Amino acid sequence: MFFEVLSHAALHIRSSGVSLITDPWLVGSTDWRSWWNYPPPRRDVVDALRPDFIYLTHIHWDHFQGPSLRKLGKGTPVIIPRGPHDRMKRDLLAMGFKDIIELDHGETFRIHRDFAATSYHFGPFLDSALVVEAEGVTLFNANDAKLMGAPLQQVLARHPRIDFVFRSHSSANGRLCYEVVDAAGAPVDDIEGYIAGFAKFVRRTGARYAVPFASNHCFLHRDVFALNTTIQTPRMVEDHFRKHGITSPALKVMLSGDSWSTDAGFSISAEAARYFDDRTAMLERCRDENRDKLEKFYALEARTRLSRDDLDKYFSAFAAVIPAVLRRLFRGRPITYALDGAERYVFEVDLDRGAVEQRREPRETAEGPLEIHTSAFILRQCMALDLFCHLPISKRVRYRVSKRTRRYIQVLNYLFNLVEYGWLPLDRSLRLSTARQLAPRWREGLLMAQLLRDVALGRGLSVARYL
């Protein structure tokens, strides 16, 4: 067996002359010029790739990136988790991919006689982990799937001897995007907790080696460049393991181009590691190398126009599929979108009525500000292509809230996900086919009940408790 880290979350696995690539983000940027591979993959390596299969863990752009998928060829079979709803499959079909293989939770696909891939689903907004077994070697690519409790126990019971475990170790959510006006300076996220969570998880798996994975990116757009200081790097993971005396599993930092094979063992290049020797200088260099692309995108955003009718059309349809009991949460709490584009736009969305008004300036609710600041271009794309689920992850948004109004942004983002992943309108989720699809994932229901019990008893939510 041979495997190579290609980029942020892309893994190239080869056995018996057959190859599989997971989550290929190999070229360009994602999330509206926000996320970039760091370090970037070598162009000659990317150009030479001819995989026999592709596996996509989930739909987020740093794992499901259109330009990279098209570069690998629309004729390449793509393996995906089969969820209760078909968003991922529909997007692939729209891109021109025809050979799509869907795996149920816990289902194994035999790539070759001694080369198997098993998909494990997790979370309401379909994420998945992949276990690859070939030539007596087992890789557990947990990626962004935060498996714990009974769902994790299922994986470990079926695959008791794991050689390599791969997992993310930095923020991939919107918590850092909150500006809480009446709690200035208060932390909005526990960024160090991501590394601690990585360490607890990999130790629980009993793997021989742990690889910090799916977090090797940087932010280059001018709106988010300052957030590079919040990224938890592989060097920080190394420091954590040393500080806490963690020796098992053995930590292996593998960056773009690094590999392992049954015959030769590890091949680790010092070239990629230099991106973390003087990270500040290298980030500036990456921004300079991509300045033309960034400037063209800034110009595109600066000339984008929006009208009240654009928002009214989207939000009237959006509100129509939200159950009335949830819409009422927003009664008297209009959401203000403050947008930069060809001009400064301010729109007030009354989600309870599904109505939109254009204003000169944002106005606060009785409980404080309830504002979403982003670009007109991004909002236009979110409405046209159902991309609101990507917005918090991109970091290309700022939520200006109070301690009391913050919860309504969180509810709104959850509603966007429910609609875009097909859980709403409710009749889609109440079908017998949905129940059949979810039945093998009963362990998640058990885990959810345990988490709710902890909250009810005042114990709080603790991932560590279930690792």
Protein backbone atom coordinates (compact mmCIF):
# COMPACT_ATOMS: atom_id res chain seq x y z
CA MET A 1 0.00 0.00 0.00
CA PHE A 2 1.00 3.59 -0.70
CA PHE A 3 -0.65 6.80 0.43
CA GLU A 4 0.26 10.44 -0.08
CA VAL A 5 -1.12 13.62 1.42
CA LEU A 6 -2.01 15.82 -1.55
CA SER A 7 -3.44 18.89 0.17
CA HIS A 8 -5.66 20.16 2.99
CA ALA A 9 -7.97 17.09 3.10
CA ALA A 10 -6.97 15.23 -0.06
CA LEU A 11 -5.44 11.79 0.36
CA HIS A 12 -4.14 9.66 -2.51
CA ILE A 13 -4.23 5.93 -1.73
CA ARG A 14 -2.88 3.24 -4.06
CA SER A 15 -2.94 -0.54 -3.78
CA SER A 16 -2.72 -3.35 -6.32
CA GLY A 17 -2.36 -0.82 -9.13
CA VAL A 18 -5.69 0.87 -8.27
CA SER A 19 -5.95 4.37 -6.79
CA LEU A 20 -8.45 6.32 -4.70
CA ILE A 21 -8.40 10.05 -3.93
CA THR A 22 -10.43 11.48 -1.07
CA ASP A 23 -11.78 15.04 -0.93
CA PRO A 24 -9.74 16.51 -3.79
CA TRP A 25 -9.29 20.23 -3.32
CA LEU A 26 -6.17 20.55 -5.45
CA VAL A 27 -6.33 23.85 -7.33
CA GLY A 28 -7.26 27.43 -6.56
CA SER A 29 -9.21 28.60 -3.55
CA THR A 30 -12.57 27.93 -1.93
CA ASP A 31 -15.21 29.91 -0.06
CA TRP A 32 -15.13 33.10 -2.11
CA ARG A 33 -11.33 33.46 -2.19
CA SER A 34 -11.16 32.96 1.57
CA TRP A 35 -9.56 29.50 1.98
CA TRP A 36 -6.34 28.48 0.19
CA ASN A 37 -4.26 25.32 0.51
CA TYR A 38 -1.27 25.82 2.81
CA PRO A 39 1.19 24.66 1.70
CA PRO A 40 -0.08 24.53 -1.89
CA PRO A 41 0.21 21.18 -3.69
CA ARG A 42 2.83 20.85 -6.42
CA ARG A 43 1.33 21.46 -9.84
CA ASP A 44 3.23 18.60 -11.51
CA VAL A 45 1.88 16.15 -8.92
CA VAL A 46 -1.69 17.37 -9.43
CA ASP A 47 -1.41 17.28 -13.23
CA ALA A 48 -0.23 13.65 -13.14
CA LEU A 49 -3.15 12.36 -11.04
CA ARG A 50 -5.39 9.79 -12.75
CA PRO A 51 -7.45 8.21 -9.95
CA ASP A 52 -9.63 5.18 -10.51
CA PHE A 53 -12.07 6.37 -7.83
CA ILE A 54 -12.85 9.51 -5.82
CA TYR A 55 -14.45 9.53 -2.37
CA LEU A 56 -16.16 12.67 -1.04
CA THR A 57 -16.79 12.80 2.71
CA HIS A 58 -19.23 15.73 2.58
CA ILE A 59 -20.30 18.74 0.57
CA HIS A 60 -18.26 21.58 2.08
CA TRP A 61 -16.05 23.23 -0.52
CA ASP A 62 -12.71 22.37 1.08
CA HIS A 63 -13.72 18.72 0.46
CA PHE A 64 -16.02 19.02 -2.56
CA GLN A 65 -14.37 21.53 -4.89
CA GLY A 66 -15.73 21.79 -8.41
CA PRO A 67 -12.57 22.83 -10.33
CA SER A 68 -10.54 20.00 -8.79
CA LEU A 69 -13.23 17.40 -9.47
CA ARG A 70 -13.53 18.51 -13.09
CA LYS A 71 -9.74 18.41 -13.46
CA LEU A 72 -9.71 14.75 -12.38
CA GLY A 73 -12.29 13.95 -15.04
CA LYS A 74 -16.07 13.69 -15.13
CA GLY A 75 -15.77 10.05 -16.13
CA THR A 76 -14.10 9.12 -12.84
CA PRO A 77 -16.42 7.12 -10.54
CA VAL A 78 -17.28 9.17 -7.45
CA ILE A 79 -18.18 7.41 -4.19
CA ILE A 80 -20.35 9.35 -1.74
CA PRO A 81 -22.31 8.64 1.45
CA ARG A 82 -25.99 7.98 0.76
CA GLY A 83 -27.96 10.29 3.04
CA PRO A 84 -31.68 10.72 3.65
CA HIS A 85 -31.59 13.47 1.01
CA ASP A 86 -29.63 13.72 -2.22
CA ARG A 87 -27.97 17.17 -2.22
CA MET A 88 -24.47 15.82 -2.89
CA LYS A 89 -25.64 13.55 -5.71
CA ARG A 90 -27.67 16.34 -7.33
CA ASP A 91 -24.70 18.69 -7.30
CA LEU A 92 -22.45 16.06 -8.90
CA LEU A 93 -25.02 15.32 -11.60
CA ALA A 94 -25.35 19.05 -12.31
CA MET A 95 -21.56 19.18 -12.79
CA GLY A 96 -21.73 16.38 -15.37
CA PHE A 97 -20.62 13.39 -13.28
CA LYS A 98 -22.60 10.28 -14.15
CA ASP A 99 -20.83 7.38 -12.41
CA ILE A 100 -21.88 7.98 -8.80
CA ILE A 101 -21.65 5.19 -6.22
CA GLU A 102 -23.64 5.76 -3.03
CA LEU A 103 -22.73 3.92 0.17
CA ASP A 104 -25.08 3.39 3.08
CA HIS A 105 -23.85 3.86 6.63
CA GLY A 106 -21.38 1.08 7.42
CA GLU A 107 -21.39 -0.22 3.84
CA THR A 108 -18.13 -1.46 2.33
CA PHE A 109 -17.18 -0.93 -1.30
CA ARG A 110 -14.52 -3.25 -2.66
CA ILE A 111 -12.23 -1.19 -4.88
CA HIS A 112 -10.06 -4.22 -5.62
CA ARG A 113 -9.76 -7.73 -4.25
CA ASP A 114 -7.64 -6.56 -1.27
CA PHE A 115 -8.64 -2.89 -1.26
CA ALA A 116 -11.83 -1.91 0.56
CA ALA A 117 -13.45 1.36 1.67
CA THR A 118 -16.16 1.58 4.35
CA SER A 119 -18.24 4.72 4.86
CA TYR A 120 -19.52 5.81 8.29
CA HIS A 121 -22.04 8.65 8.38
CA PHE A 122 -22.36 11.18 11.18
CA GLY A 123 -24.36 14.31 11.91
CA PRO A 124 -27.67 15.70 10.64
CA PHE A 125 -25.97 17.55 7.77
CA LEU A 126 -24.36 14.50 6.26
CA ASP A 127 -20.68 14.16 7.05
CA SER A 128 -18.79 10.90 6.86
CA ALA A 129 -15.60 9.15 7.87
CA LEU A 130 -13.86 6.59 5.67
CA VAL A 131 -11.99 3.46 6.71
CA VAL A 132 -9.68 2.10 4.01
CA GLU A 133 -8.19 -1.39 4.30
CA ALA A 134 -5.56 -2.72 1.90
CA GLU A 135 -2.69 -5.19 2.15
CA GLY A 136 -3.16 -5.56 5.90
CA VAL A 137 -3.01 -1.78 6.56
CA THR A 138 -5.98 0.21 7.93
CA LEU A 139 -6.44 3.97 7.47
CA PHE A 140 -9.16 5.75 9.47
CA ASN A 141 -9.90 9.08 7.77
CA ALA A 142 -12.16 10.76 10.33
CA ASN A 143 -11.64 14.11 8.61
CA ASP A 144 -14.26 16.60 9.92
CA ALA A 145 -16.65 13.93 11.25
CA LYS A 146 -16.53 14.34 15.04
CA LEU A 147 -17.42 10.74 15.84
CA MET A 148 -17.85 9.90 19.52
CA GLY A 149 -19.86 7.65 21.80
CA ALA A 150 -21.61 4.65 20.28
CA PRO A 151 -21.00 5.76 16.65
CA LEU A 152 -17.24 5.78 17.28
CA GLN A 153 -17.45 2.48 19.16
CA GLN A 154 -19.09 0.92 16.10
CA VAL A 155 -16.13 1.89 13.91
CA LEU A 156 -13.55 0.65 16.41
CA ALA A 157 -15.40 -2.63 16.97
CA ARG A 158 -15.43 -3.36 13.23
CA HIS A 159 -11.85 -2.17 12.70
CA PRO A 160 -9.99 -2.98 15.94
CA ARG A 161 -6.49 -2.53 14.51
CA ILE A 162 -6.02 0.95 13.04
CA ASP A 163 -2.62 1.89 11.68
CA PHE A 164 -3.20 5.54 10.71
CA VAL A 165 -5.86 7.96 11.92
CA PHE A 166 -6.44 11.31 10.17
CA ARG A 167 -8.53 14.08 11.74
CA SER A 168 -8.99 17.86 11.60
CA HIS A 169 -7.58 20.06 14.36
CA SER A 170 -8.69 23.65 13.68
CA SER A 171 -11.85 25.74 13.29
CA ALA A 172 -14.20 25.03 10.38
CA ASN A 173 -17.26 26.88 11.64
CA GLY A 174 -18.53 30.43 12.10
CA ARG A 175 -17.91 30.95 15.83
CA LEU A 176 -15.05 33.36 15.20
CA CYS A 177 -17.33 35.53 13.06
CA TYR A 178 -19.39 36.87 15.98
CA GLU A 179 -19.01 40.40 17.29
CA VAL A 180 -20.94 40.45 20.58
CA VAL A 181 -21.36 44.15 21.32
CA ASP A 182 -22.16 43.81 25.02
CA ALA A 183 -19.37 41.31 25.68
CA ALA A 184 -16.42 43.04 24.03
CA GLY A 185 -13.21 41.09 24.42
CA ALA A 186 -14.94 37.92 25.59
CA PRO A 187 -13.78 34.78 23.74
CA VAL A 188 -16.20 33.64 21.04
CA ASP A 189 -14.52 30.27 20.50
CA ASP A 190 -12.18 27.91 22.32
CA ILE A 191 -9.61 27.66 19.54
CA GLU A 192 -7.18 25.63 21.66
CA GLY A 193 -9.91 23.08 22.28
CA TYR A 194 -9.65 21.81 18.71
CA ILE A 195 -6.16 20.41 19.31
CA ALA A 196 -7.16 18.92 22.66
CA GLY A 197 -10.10 17.26 20.91
CA PHE A 198 -7.79 15.90 18.22
CA ALA A 199 -5.49 14.40 20.85
CA LYS A 200 -8.32 12.77 22.82
CA PHE A 201 -9.86 11.34 19.66
CA VAL A 202 -6.72 9.80 18.19
CA ARG A 203 -5.78 8.26 21.55
CA ARG A 204 -9.23 6.69 21.78
CA THR A 205 -8.76 4.97 18.41
CA GLY A 206 -5.65 3.10 19.56
CA ALA A 207 -4.00 3.83 16.21
CA ARG A 208 -0.26 3.40 15.66
CA TYR A 209 0.10 6.82 14.01
CA ALA A 210 -1.93 10.04 14.14
CA VAL A 211 -1.81 12.56 11.28
CA PRO A 212 -3.11 16.14 11.78
CA PHE A 213 -5.31 16.53 8.72
CA ALA A 214 -7.98 18.61 6.95
CA SER A 215 -6.77 21.83 8.59
CA ASN A 216 -3.80 22.82 6.41
CA HIS A 217 -5.18 25.98 4.86
CA CYS A 218 -4.77 29.73 5.15
CA PHE A 219 -6.96 32.80 4.64
CA LEU A 220 -5.87 35.22 1.89
CA HIS A 221 -8.88 37.44 1.14
CA ARG A 222 -8.34 40.86 2.73
CA ASP A 223 -11.49 40.48 4.84
CA VAL A 224 -10.16 37.37 6.59
CA PHE A 225 -6.36 37.55 6.37
CA ALA A 226 -6.11 38.56 10.04
CA LEU A 227 -7.81 35.29 11.02
CA ASN A 228 -4.67 33.35 10.09
CA THR A 229 -3.63 33.88 13.71
CA THR A 230 -6.56 31.68 14.82
CA ILE A 231 -5.59 28.63 12.74
CA GLN A 232 -4.25 25.74 14.81
CA THR A 233 -1.24 24.48 12.87
CA PRO A 234 0.41 21.03 12.86
CA ARG A 235 3.32 22.57 14.77
CA MET A 236 0.88 23.50 17.53
CA VAL A 237 -0.36 19.91 17.57
CA GLU A 238 3.24 18.75 18.00
CA ASP A 239 3.69 21.18 20.89
CA HIS A 240 0.53 19.85 22.56
CA PHE A 241 1.72 16.25 22.31
CA ARG A 242 5.12 17.16 23.77
CA LYS A 243 3.62 19.27 26.56
CA HIS A 244 1.28 16.47 27.64
CA GLY A 245 3.75 13.63 27.10
CA ILE A 246 1.58 11.89 24.51
CA THR A 247 3.60 9.19 22.76
CA SER A 248 0.84 6.87 21.59
CA PRO A 249 -0.25 7.15 18.91
CA ALA A 250 2.95 8.47 17.41
CA LEU A 251 2.27 11.87 15.86
CA LYS A 252 3.33 12.28 12.23
CA VAL A 253 3.01 15.68 10.60
CA MET A 254 2.44 14.96 6.91
CA LEU A 255 2.04 17.90 4.56
CA SER A 256 1.43 18.14 0.82
CA GLY A 257 3.73 15.68 -0.96
CA ASP A 258 4.56 13.58 2.11
CA SER A 259 3.85 9.86 1.82
CA TRP A 260 4.09 6.39 3.34
CA SER A 261 4.37 2.98 1.74
CA THR A 262 4.55 -0.60 2.95
CA ASP A 263 7.97 -0.99 1.32
CA ALA A 264 9.68 2.32 2.14
CA GLY A 265 7.87 3.65 5.21
CA PHE A 266 7.60 7.43 5.63
CA SER A 267 8.86 9.95 3.10
CA ILE A 268 8.71 13.40 4.74
CA SER A 269 9.97 16.45 2.86
CA ALA A 270 11.57 19.44 4.55
CA GLU A 271 10.39 21.63 1.66
CA ALA A 272 6.75 21.74 2.74
CA ALA A 273 7.70 22.12 6.41
CA ARG A 274 9.32 25.49 5.71
CA TYR A 275 5.82 26.97 5.42
CA PHE A 276 5.67 26.74 9.20
CA ASP A 277 9.27 27.84 9.93
CA ASP A 278 8.48 31.50 9.22
CA ARG A 279 4.74 31.35 8.79
CA THR A 280 4.18 35.12 8.79
CA ALA A 281 6.56 35.65 5.87
CA MET A 282 5.18 32.67 3.96
CA LEU A 283 1.60 33.89 4.35
CA GLU A 284 2.62 37.25 2.90
CA ARG A 285 4.34 35.45 0.05
CA CYS A 286 1.24 33.36 -0.67
CA ARG A 287 -0.89 36.49 -0.76
CA ASP A 288 1.56 38.21 -3.12
CA GLU A 289 1.65 35.18 -5.44
CA ASN A 290 -2.14 35.24 -5.71
CA ARG A 291 -2.59 39.00 -5.74
CA ASP A 292 -3.93 39.13 -9.32
CA LYS A 293 -6.65 36.59 -8.54
CA LEU A 294 -7.55 38.39 -5.34
CA GLU A 295 -7.72 41.81 -7.01
CA LYS A 296 -9.99 40.48 -9.77
CA PHE A 297 -12.31 39.05 -7.14
CA TYR A 298 -12.32 42.30 -5.16
CA ALA A 299 -13.37 44.10 -8.36
CA LEU A 300 -16.11 41.53 -9.00
CA GLU A 301 -17.49 42.01 -5.50
CA ALA A 302 -17.27 45.79 -5.78
CA ARG A 303 -19.50 45.94 -8.87
CA THR A 304 -22.21 43.54 -7.67
CA ARG A 305 -25.72 44.96 -7.41
CA LEU A 306 -28.72 43.72 -5.45
CA SER A 307 -32.32 44.82 -5.18
CA ARG A 308 -35.02 44.37 -2.57
CA ASP A 309 -36.87 42.17 -5.06
CA ASP A 310 -33.89 39.76 -5.15
CA LEU A 311 -34.08 39.23 -1.40
CA ASP A 312 -37.87 39.27 -1.28
CA LYS A 313 -38.09 36.46 -3.83
CA TYR A 314 -35.67 34.28 -1.88
CA PHE A 315 -36.83 34.93 1.68
CA SER A 316 -40.55 34.68 0.92
CA ALA A 317 -39.92 31.18 -0.46
CA PHE A 318 -37.54 30.35 2.41
CA ALA A 319 -40.03 31.45 5.08
CA ALA A 320 -42.80 29.43 3.43
CA VAL A 321 -41.07 26.11 4.23
CA ILE A 322 -40.17 27.02 7.83
CA PRO A 323 -42.69 25.70 10.40
CA ALA A 324 -44.75 28.53 11.90
CA VAL A 325 -43.54 27.78 15.44
CA LEU A 326 -39.96 28.46 14.33
CA ARG A 327 -40.85 31.56 12.32
CA ARG A 328 -42.49 33.03 15.42
CA LEU A 329 -39.09 33.06 17.14
CA PHE A 330 -38.23 35.95 14.81
CA ARG A 331 -41.41 37.97 15.42
CA GLY A 332 -40.28 41.48 16.31
CA ARG A 333 -36.69 40.47 15.59
CA PRO A 334 -35.91 41.43 11.98
CA ILE A 335 -32.55 40.31 10.64
CA THR A 336 -30.50 43.05 9.01
CA TYR A 337 -28.18 42.28 6.10
CA ALA A 338 -25.49 44.95 5.63
CA LEU A 339 -23.81 44.33 2.29
CA ASP A 340 -20.86 45.81 0.40
CA GLY A 341 -21.13 45.94 -3.38
CA ALA A 342 -21.68 48.53 -6.08
CA GLU A 343 -23.14 50.52 -3.20
CA ARG A 344 -23.78 50.00 0.48
CA TYR A 345 -26.95 47.92 0.87
CA VAL A 346 -29.00 47.47 4.03
CA PHE A 347 -31.94 45.07 3.93
CA GLU A 348 -34.17 44.11 6.84
CA VAL A 349 -35.64 40.60 6.68
CA ASP A 350 -38.79 39.82 8.66
CA LEU A 351 -38.59 36.04 8.67
CA ASP A 352 -41.92 35.69 10.48
CA ARG A 353 -43.74 37.33 7.55
CA GLY A 354 -41.25 36.45 4.82
CA ALA A 355 -40.96 40.15 3.94
CA VAL A 356 -37.98 42.39 3.13
CA GLU A 357 -37.49 46.15 3.50
CA GLN A 358 -34.58 48.25 2.29
CA ARG A 359 -33.21 50.77 4.78
CA ARG A 360 -30.55 53.46 4.92
CA GLU A 361 -28.90 52.16 8.09
CA PRO A 362 -29.25 49.10 10.32
CA ARG A 363 -31.56 49.45 13.30
CA GLU A 364 -31.32 47.45 16.47
CA THR A 365 -34.02 45.22 17.89
CA ALA A 366 -35.21 45.76 21.46
CA GLU A 367 -32.67 43.11 22.51
CA GLY A 368 -29.73 44.56 20.60
CA PRO A 369 -28.28 44.32 17.08
CA LEU A 370 -29.15 41.35 14.89
CA GLU A 371 -26.97 41.98 11.84
CA ILE A 372 -25.21 39.93 9.16
CA HIS A 373 -22.39 41.72 7.34
CA THR A 374 -21.01 40.23 4.13
CA SER A 375 -20.69 41.13 0.44
CA ALA A 376 -23.56 41.54 -2.01
CA PHE A 377 -21.86 39.05 -4.33
CA ILE A 378 -21.77 36.37 -1.64
CA LEU A 379 -25.39 36.89 -0.64
CA ARG A 380 -26.45 36.75 -4.30
CA GLN A 381 -24.66 33.41 -4.73
CA CYS A 382 -26.06 32.03 -1.47
CA MET A 383 -29.61 32.80 -2.59
CA ALA A 384 -29.16 31.56 -6.16
CA LEU A 385 -27.28 28.33 -5.42
CA ASP A 386 -28.34 27.38 -1.86
CA LEU A 387 -24.93 28.13 -0.39
CA PHE A 388 -25.86 29.57 3.01
CA CYS A 389 -24.49 26.42 4.65
CA HIS A 390 -21.03 27.47 3.41
CA LEU A 391 -21.14 31.06 4.63
CA PRO A 392 -20.13 30.63 8.31
CA ILE A 393 -17.34 28.20 7.38
CA SER A 394 -15.94 30.66 4.83
CA LYS A 395 -15.42 33.29 7.56
CA ARG A 396 -16.52 35.84 4.93
CA VAL A 397 -19.26 37.06 7.25
CA ARG A 398 -19.52 39.07 10.45
CA TYR A 399 -22.42 38.59 12.83
CA ARG A 400 -22.97 41.75 14.89
CA VAL A 401 -25.14 40.70 17.82
CA SER A 402 -25.76 41.07 21.52
CA LYS A 403 -25.63 38.27 24.06
CA ARG A 404 -29.43 38.00 23.74
CA THR A 405 -29.67 38.11 19.92
CA ARG A 406 -26.78 35.77 19.15
CA ARG A 407 -29.03 32.73 19.53
CA TYR A 408 -31.25 33.91 16.67
CA ILE A 409 -28.34 33.94 14.21
CA GLN A 410 -27.51 30.42 15.36
CA VAL A 411 -31.12 29.33 14.81
CA LEU A 412 -31.17 31.04 11.40
CA ASN A 413 -28.02 29.23 10.29
CA TYR A 414 -29.50 25.93 11.46
CA LEU A 415 -32.64 26.64 9.43
CA PHE A 416 -30.55 27.39 6.34
CA ASN A 417 -28.90 23.99 6.76
CA LEU A 418 -32.22 22.21 7.26
CA VAL A 419 -33.54 23.68 4.01
CA GLU A 420 -30.39 23.26 1.93
CA TYR A 421 -29.81 19.67 3.05
CA GLY A 422 -33.43 18.77 2.33
CA TRP A 423 -34.84 18.30 5.85
CA LEU A 424 -37.39 21.06 5.21
CA PRO A 425 -40.17 21.25 4.21
CA LEU A 426 -41.14 18.68 6.84
CA ASP A 427 -42.91 16.32 4.45
CA ARG A 428 -39.48 15.41 3.03
CA SER A 429 -38.29 14.24 6.44
CA LEU A 430 -41.43 12.34 7.43
CA ARG A 431 -41.22 9.83 4.60
CA LEU A 432 -40.78 6.13 5.31
CA SER A 433 -37.70 6.11 3.07
CA THR A 434 -36.03 8.64 5.39
CA ALA A 435 -36.67 6.43 8.41
CA ARG A 436 -35.23 3.42 6.58
CA GLN A 437 -32.16 5.42 5.64
CA LEU A 438 -31.56 6.56 9.22
CA ALA A 439 -32.28 3.24 10.94
CA PRO A 440 -28.69 1.89 10.69
CA ARG A 441 -27.54 5.09 12.41
CA TRP A 442 -29.55 4.40 15.58
CA ARG A 443 -26.39 4.86 17.64
CA GLU A 444 -26.48 8.57 16.87
CA GLY A 445 -29.97 8.72 18.33
CA LEU A 446 -28.64 7.12 21.51
CA LEU A 447 -25.77 9.60 21.62
CA MET A 448 -28.15 12.53 21.13
CA ALA A 449 -30.32 11.31 24.01
CA GLN A 450 -27.24 11.12 26.24
CA LEU A 451 -26.15 14.63 25.27
CA LEU A 452 -29.62 16.05 25.94
CA ARG A 453 -29.68 14.30 29.31
CA ASP A 454 -26.36 15.92 30.24
CA VAL A 455 -27.67 19.37 29.31
CA ALA A 456 -30.88 18.80 31.30
CA LEU A 457 -28.84 17.77 34.36
CA GLY A 458 -26.63 20.84 34.07
CA ARG A 459 -23.50 18.91 33.10
CA GLY A 460 -23.02 20.80 29.85
CA LEU A 461 -21.85 19.36 26.54
CA SER A 462 -18.56 17.48 26.70
CA VAL A 463 -17.14 15.62 23.72
CA ALA A 464 -14.38 14.22 25.93
CA ARG A 465 -17.00 12.45 28.05
CA TYR A 466 -17.93 10.31 25.05
CA LEU A 467 -14.44 9.54 23.79
